[in-house]
């Protein structure tokens, strides 16, 4: 039985990001960098899904979403962040 590599997508709310680089400092795989004063996932294929960046961001500007699942995780209306424009979800 072959194990499928897990992959993760980074939802970055640039409007909330103040460029403090806390998420960059906590990322164990150096996936994140600052570009033009905002966080950017430069090497998303290296992400291990630890969510340290998400947990440590003081502005809630980053979210990690697992992609490539056989069955997508369903979200109900209570889980959707309506303050974020739809184009911010790059899944």
PDB file of N, CA and C in Angstrom:
ATOM      1  N   UNK A   1       0.851  -1.172   0.000  1.00  0.00           N
ATOM      2  CA  UNK A   1       0.000   0.000   0.000  1.00  0.00           C
ATOM      3  C   UNK A   1       0.899   1.237   0.000  1.00  0.00           C
ATOM      4  N   UNK A   2       0.764   2.061  -1.037  1.00  0.00           N
ATOM      5  CA  UNK A   2       1.596   3.251  -1.123  1.00  0.00           C
ATOM      6  C   UNK A   2       0.919   4.415  -0.398  1.00  0.00           C
ATOM      7  N   UNK A   3       1.722   5.156   0.322  1.00  0.00           N
ATOM      8  CA  UNK A   3       1.201   6.279   1.080  1.00  0.00           C
ATOM      9  C   UNK A   3       1.292   7.541   0.235  1.00  0.00           C
ATOM     10  N   UNK A   4       0.169   8.245   0.093  1.00  0.00           N
ATOM     11  CA  UNK A   4       0.131   9.466  -0.694  1.00  0.00           C
ATOM     12  C   UNK A   4       0.725  10.613   0.112  1.00  0.00           C
ATOM     13  N   UNK A   5       1.583  11.416  -0.532  1.00  0.00           N
ATOM     14  CA  UNK A   5       2.180  12.557   0.142  1.00  0.00           C
ATOM     15  C   UNK A   5       1.108  13.614   0.374  1.00  0.00           C
ATOM     16  N   UNK A   6       1.050  14.091   1.577  1.00  0.00           N
ATOM     17  CA  UNK A   6       0.079  15.129   1.914  1.00  0.00           C
ATOM     18  C   UNK A   6       0.569  16.464   1.363  1.00  0.00           C
ATOM     19  N   UNK A   7      -0.350  17.259   0.870  1.00  0.00           N
ATOM     20  CA  UNK A   7       0.012  18.580   0.359  1.00  0.00           C
ATOM     21  C   UNK A   7      -0.893  19.625   1.011  1.00  0.00           C
ATOM     22  N   UNK A   8      -0.374  20.828   1.097  1.00  0.00           N
ATOM     23  CA  UNK A   8      -1.067  21.891   1.812  1.00  0.00           C
ATOM     24  C   UNK A   8      -1.065  23.169   1.005  1.00  0.00           C
ATOM     25  N   UNK A   9      -2.150  23.909   1.136  1.00  0.00           N
ATOM     26  CA  UNK A   9      -2.305  25.193   0.474  1.00  0.00           C
ATOM     27  C   UNK A   9      -2.264  26.285   1.545  1.00  0.00           C
ATOM     28  N   UNK A  10      -1.727  27.425   1.189  1.00  0.00           N
ATOM     29  CA  UNK A  10      -1.607  28.539   2.127  1.00  0.00           C
ATOM     30  C   UNK A  10      -2.591  29.633   1.722  1.00  0.00           C
ATOM     31  N   UNK A  11      -3.537  29.921   2.591  1.00  0.00           N
ATOM     32  CA  UNK A  11      -4.464  31.026   2.364  1.00  0.00           C
ATOM     33  C   UNK A  11      -3.891  32.207   3.131  1.00  0.00           C
ATOM     34  N   UNK A  12      -3.488  33.223   2.392  1.00  0.00           N
ATOM     35  CA  UNK A  12      -2.850  34.391   3.004  1.00  0.00           C
ATOM     36  C   UNK A  12      -3.752  35.599   2.802  1.00  0.00           C
ATOM     37  N   UNK A  13      -4.129  36.194   3.909  1.00  0.00           N
ATOM     38  CA  UNK A  13      -4.971  37.396   3.869  1.00  0.00           C
ATOM     39  C   UNK A  13      -4.042  38.607   3.924  1.00  0.00           C
ATOM     40  N   UNK A  14      -3.649  39.077   2.756  1.00  0.00           N
ATOM     41  CA  UNK A  14      -2.668  40.166   2.680  1.00  0.00           C
ATOM     42  C   UNK A  14      -3.139  41.423   3.386  1.00  0.00           C
ATOM     43  N   UNK A  15      -4.435  41.627   3.398  1.00  0.00           N
ATOM     44  CA  UNK A  15      -4.969  42.825   4.054  1.00  0.00           C
ATOM     45  C   UNK A  15      -4.666  42.806   5.551  1.00  0.00           C
ATOM     46  N   UNK A  16      -4.614  41.614   6.143  1.00  0.00           N
ATOM     47  CA  UNK A  16      -4.348  41.490   7.574  1.00  0.00           C
ATOM     48  C   UNK A  16      -2.855  41.446   7.899  1.00  0.00           C
ATOM     49  N   UNK A  17      -2.038  41.033   6.952  1.00  0.00           N
ATOM     50  CA  UNK A  17      -0.606  40.849   7.198  1.00  0.00           C
ATOM     51  C   UNK A  17       0.103  42.194   7.342  1.00  0.00           C
ATOM     52  N   UNK A  18       0.830  42.339   8.457  1.00  0.00           N
ATOM     53  CA  UNK A  18       1.597  43.569   8.667  1.00  0.00           C
ATOM     54  C   UNK A  18       3.095  43.353   8.446  1.00  0.00           C
ATOM     55  N   UNK A  19       3.463  42.153   7.992  1.00  0.00           N
ATOM     56  CA  UNK A  19       4.859  41.879   7.668  1.00  0.00           C
ATOM     57  C   UNK A  19       5.760  41.730   8.876  1.00  0.00           C
ATOM     58  N   UNK A  20       5.240  41.216   9.974  1.00  0.00           N
ATOM     59  CA  UNK A  20       6.041  41.093  11.201  1.00  0.00           C
ATOM     60  C   UNK A  20       7.048  39.946  11.126  1.00  0.00           C
ATOM     61  N   UNK A  21       6.862  39.002  10.206  1.00  0.00           N
ATOM     62  CA  UNK A  21       7.724  37.839   9.945  1.00  0.00           C
ATOM     63  C   UNK A  21       7.757  36.804  11.077  1.00  0.00           C
ATOM     64  N   UNK A  22       6.770  36.825  11.962  1.00  0.00           N
ATOM     65  CA  UNK A  22       6.681  35.801  13.000  1.00  0.00           C
ATOM     66  C   UNK A  22       6.478  34.435  12.351  1.00  0.00           C
ATOM     67  N   UNK A  23       5.583  34.367  11.363  1.00  0.00           N
ATOM     68  CA  UNK A  23       5.309  33.096  10.681  1.00  0.00           C
ATOM     69  C   UNK A  23       6.548  32.580   9.963  1.00  0.00           C
ATOM     70  N   UNK A  24       7.319  33.475   9.380  1.00  0.00           N
ATOM     71  CA  UNK A  24       8.552  33.099   8.678  1.00  0.00           C
ATOM     72  C   UNK A  24       9.544  32.498   9.667  1.00  0.00           C
ATOM     73  N   UNK A  25       9.645  33.090  10.839  1.00  0.00           N
ATOM     74  CA  UNK A  25      10.589  32.628  11.855  1.00  0.00           C
ATOM     75  C   UNK A  25      10.205  31.253  12.404  1.00  0.00           C
ATOM     76  N   UNK A  26       8.910  30.962  12.530  1.00  0.00           N
ATOM     77  CA  UNK A  26       8.472  29.701  13.117  1.00  0.00           C
ATOM     78  C   UNK A  26       8.393  28.549  12.128  1.00  0.00           C
ATOM     79  N   UNK A  27       8.427  28.817  10.833  1.00  0.00           N
ATOM     80  CA  UNK A  27       8.291  27.750   9.841  1.00  0.00           C
ATOM     81  C   UNK A  27       9.531  26.853   9.846  1.00  0.00           C
ATOM     82  N   UNK A  28       9.381  25.556  10.201  1.00  0.00           N
ATOM     83  CA  UNK A  28      10.551  24.676  10.287  1.00  0.00           C
ATOM     84  C   UNK A  28      11.129  24.293   8.925  1.00  0.00           C
ATOM     85  N   UNK A  29      10.388  24.473   7.857  1.00  0.00           N
ATOM     86  CA  UNK A  29      10.847  24.095   6.515  1.00  0.00           C
ATOM     87  C   UNK A  29      11.162  25.298   5.630  1.00  0.00           C
ATOM     88  N   UNK A  30      11.170  26.498   6.187  1.00  0.00           N
ATOM     89  CA  UNK A  30      11.463  27.724   5.458  1.00  0.00           C
ATOM     90  C   UNK A  30      10.603  27.858   4.193  1.00  0.00           C
ATOM     91  N   UNK A  31       9.313  27.568   4.341  1.00  0.00           N
ATOM     92  CA  UNK A  31       8.364  27.670   3.234  1.00  0.00           C
ATOM     93  C   UNK A  31       8.013  29.127   2.967  1.00  0.00           C
ATOM     94  N   UNK A  32       7.927  29.919   4.022  1.00  0.00           N
ATOM     95  CA  UNK A  32       7.447  31.293   3.922  1.00  0.00           C
ATOM     96  C   UNK A  32       8.579  32.302   3.842  1.00  0.00           C
ATOM     97  N   UNK A  33       8.339  33.371   3.079  1.00  0.00           N
ATOM     98  CA  UNK A  33       9.261  34.501   2.983  1.00  0.00           C
ATOM     99  C   UNK A  33       8.431  35.786   2.958  1.00  0.00           C
ATOM    100  N   UNK A  34       9.093  36.893   3.177  1.00  0.00           N
ATOM    101  CA  UNK A  34       8.434  38.186   3.030  1.00  0.00           C
ATOM    102  C   UNK A  34       8.775  38.757   1.664  1.00  0.00           C
ATOM    103  N   UNK A  35       7.754  39.190   0.936  1.00  0.00           N
ATOM    104  CA  UNK A  35       7.927  39.862  -0.350  1.00  0.00           C
ATOM    105  C   UNK A  35       7.094  41.130  -0.318  1.00  0.00           C
ATOM    106  N   UNK A  36       7.734  42.240  -0.554  1.00  0.00           N
ATOM    107  CA  UNK A  36       7.057  43.540  -0.526  1.00  0.00           C
ATOM    108  C   UNK A  36       6.325  43.777   0.791  1.00  0.00           C
ATOM    109  N   UNK A  37       6.910  43.308   1.882  1.00  0.00           N
ATOM    110  CA  UNK A  37       6.354  43.536   3.207  1.00  0.00           C
ATOM    111  C   UNK A  37       5.197  42.635   3.587  1.00  0.00           C
ATOM    112  N   UNK A  38       4.908  41.611   2.785  1.00  0.00           N
ATOM    113  CA  UNK A  38       3.825  40.672   3.073  1.00  0.00           C
ATOM    114  C   UNK A  38       4.351  39.251   2.993  1.00  0.00           C
ATOM    115  N   UNK A  39       3.715  38.330   3.720  1.00  0.00           N
ATOM    116  CA  UNK A  39       4.140  36.939   3.715  1.00  0.00           C
ATOM    117  C   UNK A  39       3.759  36.287   2.388  1.00  0.00           C
ATOM    118  N   UNK A  40       4.602  35.374   1.936  1.00  0.00           N
ATOM    119  CA  UNK A  40       4.401  34.673   0.670  1.00  0.00           C
ATOM    120  C   UNK A  40       4.923  33.249   0.817  1.00  0.00           C
ATOM    121  N   UNK A  41       4.161  32.269   0.332  1.00  0.00           N
ATOM    122  CA  UNK A  41       4.587  30.867   0.378  1.00  0.00           C
ATOM    123  C   UNK A  41       5.472  30.591  -0.832  1.00  0.00           C
ATOM    124  N   UNK A  42       6.776  30.699  -0.638  1.00  0.00           N
ATOM    125  CA  UNK A  42       7.726  30.540  -1.741  1.00  0.00           C
ATOM    126  C   UNK A  42       7.929  29.072  -2.125  1.00  0.00           C
ATOM    127  N   UNK A  43       7.905  28.178  -1.137  1.00  0.00           N
ATOM    128  CA  UNK A  43       8.098  26.744  -1.397  1.00  0.00           C
ATOM    129  C   UNK A  43       6.956  25.935  -0.768  1.00  0.00           C
ATOM    130  N   UNK A  44       5.722  26.061  -1.287  1.00  0.00           N
ATOM    131  CA  UNK A  44       4.586  25.373  -0.663  1.00  0.00           C
ATOM    132  C   UNK A  44       4.687  23.854  -0.712  1.00  0.00           C
ATOM    133  N   UNK A  45       5.435  23.324  -1.659  1.00  0.00           N
ATOM    134  CA  UNK A  45       5.579  21.864  -1.754  1.00  0.00           C
ATOM    135  C   UNK A  45       6.375  21.290  -0.581  1.00  0.00           C
ATOM    136  N   UNK A  46       7.121  22.125   0.128  1.00  0.00           N
ATOM    137  CA  UNK A  46       7.899  21.681   1.283  1.00  0.00           C
ATOM    138  C   UNK A  46       7.108  21.707   2.593  1.00  0.00           C
ATOM    139  N   UNK A  47       5.889  22.269   2.558  1.00  0.00           N
ATOM    140  CA  UNK A  47       5.073  22.415   3.769  1.00  0.00           C
ATOM    141  C   UNK A  47       4.707  21.035   4.330  1.00  0.00           C
ATOM    142  N   UNK A  48       4.866  20.885   5.644  1.00  0.00           N
ATOM    143  CA  UNK A  48       4.529  19.626   6.318  1.00  0.00           C
ATOM    144  C   UNK A  48       3.204  19.726   7.079  1.00  0.00           C
ATOM    145  N   UNK A  49       2.564  20.871   7.013  1.00  0.00           N
ATOM    146  CA  UNK A  49       1.258  21.038   7.648  1.00  0.00           C
ATOM    147  C   UNK A  49       1.281  21.167   9.150  1.00  0.00           C
ATOM    148  N   UNK A  50       2.364  21.633   9.713  1.00  0.00           N
ATOM    149  CA  UNK A  50       2.455  21.750  11.177  1.00  0.00           C
ATOM    150  C   UNK A  50       1.588  22.895  11.715  1.00  0.00           C
ATOM    151  N   UNK A  51       1.266  23.837  10.876  1.00  0.00           N
ATOM    152  CA  UNK A  51       0.418  24.987  11.197  1.00  0.00           C
ATOM    153  C   UNK A  51       1.026  25.924  12.250  1.00  0.00           C
ATOM    154  N   UNK A  52       2.332  25.870  12.446  1.00  0.00           N
ATOM    155  CA  UNK A  52       2.962  26.802  13.390  1.00  0.00           C
ATOM    156  C   UNK A  52       2.783  28.240  12.933  1.00  0.00           C
ATOM    157  N   UNK A  53       2.864  28.460  11.633  1.00  0.00           N
ATOM    158  CA  UNK A  53       2.682  29.816  11.106  1.00  0.00           C
ATOM    159  C   UNK A  53       1.272  30.327  11.405  1.00  0.00           C
ATOM    160  N   UNK A  54       0.303  29.457  11.204  1.00  0.00           N
ATOM    161  CA  UNK A  54      -1.103  29.815  11.443  1.00  0.00           C
ATOM    162  C   UNK A  54      -1.343  30.110  12.918  1.00  0.00           C
ATOM    163  N   UNK A  55      -0.789  29.290  13.793  1.00  0.00           N
ATOM    164  CA  UNK A  55      -1.017  29.455  15.228  1.00  0.00           C
ATOM    165  C   UNK A  55      -0.288  30.663  15.796  1.00  0.00           C
ATOM    166  N   UNK A  56       0.876  31.000  15.228  1.00  0.00           N
ATOM    167  CA  UNK A  56       1.685  32.085  15.792  1.00  0.00           C
ATOM    168  C   UNK A  56       1.410  33.455  15.181  1.00  0.00           C
ATOM    169  N   UNK A  57       0.664  33.509  14.084  1.00  0.00           N
ATOM    170  CA  UNK A  57       0.382  34.799  13.451  1.00  0.00           C
ATOM    171  C   UNK A  57      -0.494  35.647  14.368  1.00  0.00           C
ATOM    172  N   UNK A  58      -0.012  36.823  14.785  1.00  0.00           N
ATOM    173  CA  UNK A  58      -0.796  37.652  15.699  1.00  0.00           C
ATOM    174  C   UNK A  58      -2.007  38.298  15.029  1.00  0.00           C
ATOM    175  N   UNK A  59      -2.038  38.302  13.701  1.00  0.00           N
ATOM    176  CA  UNK A  59      -3.119  38.971  12.971  1.00  0.00           C
ATOM    177  C   UNK A  59      -4.053  38.007  12.248  1.00  0.00           C
ATOM    178  N   UNK A  60      -3.866  36.693  12.452  1.00  0.00           N
ATOM    179  CA  UNK A  60      -4.692  35.671  11.790  1.00  0.00           C
ATOM    180  C   UNK A  60      -4.692  35.856  10.270  1.00  0.00           C
ATOM    181  N   UNK A  61      -3.534  36.174   9.733  1.00  0.00           N
ATOM    182  CA  UNK A  61      -3.420  36.470   8.300  1.00  0.00           C
ATOM    183  C   UNK A  61      -3.108  35.246   7.456  1.00  0.00           C
ATOM    184  N   UNK A  62      -2.857  34.096   8.070  1.00  0.00           N
ATOM    185  CA  UNK A  62      -2.485  32.904   7.301  1.00  0.00           C
ATOM    186  C   UNK A  62      -3.270  31.698   7.806  1.00  0.00           C
ATOM    187  N   UNK A  63      -3.644  30.859   6.856  1.00  0.00           N
ATOM    188  CA  UNK A  63      -4.377  29.631   7.179  1.00  0.00           C
ATOM    189  C   UNK A  63      -3.822  28.514   6.304  1.00  0.00           C
ATOM    190  N   UNK A  64      -3.647  27.344   6.882  1.00  0.00           N
ATOM    191  CA  UNK A  64      -3.146  26.183   6.151  1.00  0.00           C
ATOM    192  C   UNK A  64      -4.311  25.237   5.894  1.00  0.00           C
ATOM    193  N   UNK A  65      -4.460  24.836   4.630  1.00  0.00           N
ATOM    194  CA  UNK A  65      -5.551  23.947   4.227  1.00  0.00           C
ATOM    195  C   UNK A  65      -4.940  22.745   3.525  1.00  0.00           C
ATOM    196  N   UNK A  66      -5.321  21.554   3.959  1.00  0.00           N
ATOM    197  CA  UNK A  66      -4.815  20.352   3.306  1.00  0.00           C
ATOM    198  C   UNK A  66      -5.514  20.171   1.961  1.00  0.00           C
ATOM    199  N   UNK A  67      -4.729  19.923   0.929  1.00  0.00           N
ATOM    200  CA  UNK A  67      -5.266  19.713  -0.412  1.00  0.00           C
ATOM    201  C   UNK A  67      -4.974  18.285  -0.849  1.00  0.00           C
ATOM    202  N   UNK A  68      -5.594  17.870  -1.922  1.00  0.00           N
ATOM    203  CA  UNK A  68      -5.332  16.547  -2.464  1.00  0.00           C
ATOM    204  C   UNK A  68      -5.968  15.428  -1.685  1.00  0.00           C
ATOM    205  N   UNK A  69      -6.965  15.729  -0.900  1.00  0.00           N
ATOM    206  CA  UNK A  69      -7.665  14.687  -0.162  1.00  0.00           C
ATOM    207  C   UNK A  69      -8.580  13.919  -1.105  1.00  0.00           C
ATOM    208  N   UNK A  70      -8.743  12.618  -0.852  1.00  0.00           N
ATOM    209  CA  UNK A  70      -9.659  11.820  -1.671  1.00  0.00           C
ATOM    210  C   UNK A  70     -11.076  12.369  -1.575  1.00  0.00           C
ATOM    211  N   UNK A  71     -11.489  12.658  -0.363  1.00  0.00           N
ATOM    212  CA  UNK A  71     -12.810  13.237  -0.136  1.00  0.00           C
ATOM    213  C   UNK A  71     -12.597  14.608   0.493  1.00  0.00           C
ATOM    214  N   UNK A  72     -13.020  15.675  -0.171  1.00  0.00           N
ATOM    215  CA  UNK A  72     -12.799  17.004   0.392  1.00  0.00           C
ATOM    216  C   UNK A  72     -13.528  17.177   1.727  1.00  0.00           C
ATOM    217  N   UNK A  73     -12.881  17.904   2.613  1.00  0.00           N
ATOM    218  CA  UNK A  73     -13.484  18.188   3.909  1.00  0.00           C
ATOM    219  C   UNK A  73     -14.587  19.206   3.681  1.00  0.00           C
ATOM    220  N   UNK A  74     -15.799  18.851   4.078  1.00  0.00           N
ATOM    221  CA  UNK A  74     -16.929  19.743   3.864  1.00  0.00           C
ATOM    222  C   UNK A  74     -16.962  20.797   4.951  1.00  0.00           C
ATOM    223  N   UNK A  75     -17.270  22.018   4.528  1.00  0.00           N
ATOM    224  CA  UNK A  75     -17.408  23.111   5.478  1.00  0.00           C
ATOM    225  C   UNK A  75     -18.857  23.568   5.472  1.00  0.00           C
ATOM    226  N   UNK A  76     -19.385  23.800   6.642  1.00  0.00           N
ATOM    227  CA  UNK A  76     -20.721  24.361   6.686  1.00  0.00           C
ATOM    228  C   UNK A  76     -20.605  25.874   6.806  1.00  0.00           C
ATOM    229  N   UNK A  77     -21.709  26.547   6.796  1.00  0.00           N
ATOM    230  CA  UNK A  77     -21.717  28.004   6.800  1.00  0.00           C
ATOM    231  C   UNK A  77     -21.051  28.590   8.042  1.00  0.00           C
ATOM    232  N   UNK A  78     -21.029  27.853   9.141  1.00  0.00           N
ATOM    233  CA  UNK A  78     -20.424  28.347  10.373  1.00  0.00           C
ATOM    234  C   UNK A  78     -18.900  28.395  10.269  1.00  0.00           C
ATOM    235  N   UNK A  79     -18.314  27.646   9.341  1.00  0.00           N
ATOM    236  CA  UNK A  79     -16.860  27.584   9.210  1.00  0.00           C
ATOM    237  C   UNK A  79     -16.314  28.545   8.164  1.00  0.00           C
ATOM    238  N   UNK A  80     -17.166  29.191   7.396  1.00  0.00           N
ATOM    239  CA  UNK A  80     -16.721  30.057   6.308  1.00  0.00           C
ATOM    240  C   UNK A  80     -16.462  31.454   6.847  1.00  0.00           C
ATOM    241  N   UNK A  81     -15.313  32.018   6.474  1.00  0.00           N
ATOM    242  CA  UNK A  81     -14.953  33.378   6.865  1.00  0.00           C
ATOM    243  C   UNK A  81     -15.463  34.323   5.788  1.00  0.00           C
ATOM    244  N   UNK A  82     -16.607  34.923   6.003  1.00  0.00           N
ATOM    245  CA  UNK A  82     -17.222  35.783   4.993  1.00  0.00           C
ATOM    246  C   UNK A  82     -16.551  37.147   4.886  1.00  0.00           C
ATOM    247  N   UNK A  83     -15.650  37.466   5.796  1.00  0.00           N
ATOM    248  CA  UNK A  83     -14.937  38.736   5.703  1.00  0.00           C
ATOM    249  C   UNK A  83     -13.784  38.688   4.709  1.00  0.00           C
ATOM    250  N   UNK A  84     -13.458  37.485   4.247  1.00  0.00           N
ATOM    251  CA  UNK A  84     -12.375  37.310   3.292  1.00  0.00           C
ATOM    252  C   UNK A  84     -12.973  37.181   1.897  1.00  0.00           C
ATOM    253  N   UNK A  85     -12.452  37.930   0.909  1.00  0.00           N
ATOM    254  CA  UNK A  85     -12.997  37.797  -0.437  1.00  0.00           C
ATOM    255  C   UNK A  85     -12.751  36.411  -1.006  1.00  0.00           C
ATOM    256  N   UNK A  86     -13.647  35.919  -1.849  1.00  0.00           N
ATOM    257  CA  UNK A  86     -13.523  34.549  -2.391  1.00  0.00           C
ATOM    258  C   UNK A  86     -12.212  34.300  -3.111  1.00  0.00           C
ATOM    259  N   UNK A  87     -11.637  35.316  -3.746  1.00  0.00           N
ATOM    260  CA  UNK A  87     -10.391  35.114  -4.476  1.00  0.00           C
ATOM    261  C   UNK A  87      -9.197  34.833  -3.556  1.00  0.00           C
ATOM    262  N   UNK A  88      -9.358  35.053  -2.247  1.00  0.00           N
ATOM    263  CA  UNK A  88      -8.279  34.770  -1.301  1.00  0.00           C
ATOM    264  C   UNK A  88      -8.111  33.283  -1.075  1.00  0.00           C
ATOM    265  N   UNK A  89      -9.132  32.492  -1.357  1.00  0.00           N
ATOM    266  CA  UNK A  89      -9.045  31.041  -1.194  1.00  0.00           C
ATOM    267  C   UNK A  89      -8.469  30.430  -2.453  1.00  0.00           C
ATOM    268  N   UNK A  90      -7.190  30.091  -2.416  1.00  0.00           N
ATOM    269  CA  UNK A  90      -6.487  29.575  -3.594  1.00  0.00           C
ATOM    270  C   UNK A  90      -6.520  28.063  -3.663  1.00  0.00           C
ATOM    271  N   UNK A  91      -7.521  27.455  -3.083  1.00  0.00           N
ATOM    272  CA  UNK A  91      -7.587  25.996  -3.061  1.00  0.00           C
ATOM    273  C   UNK A  91      -8.094  25.428  -4.365  1.00  0.00           C
TER     274      UNK A  91
END
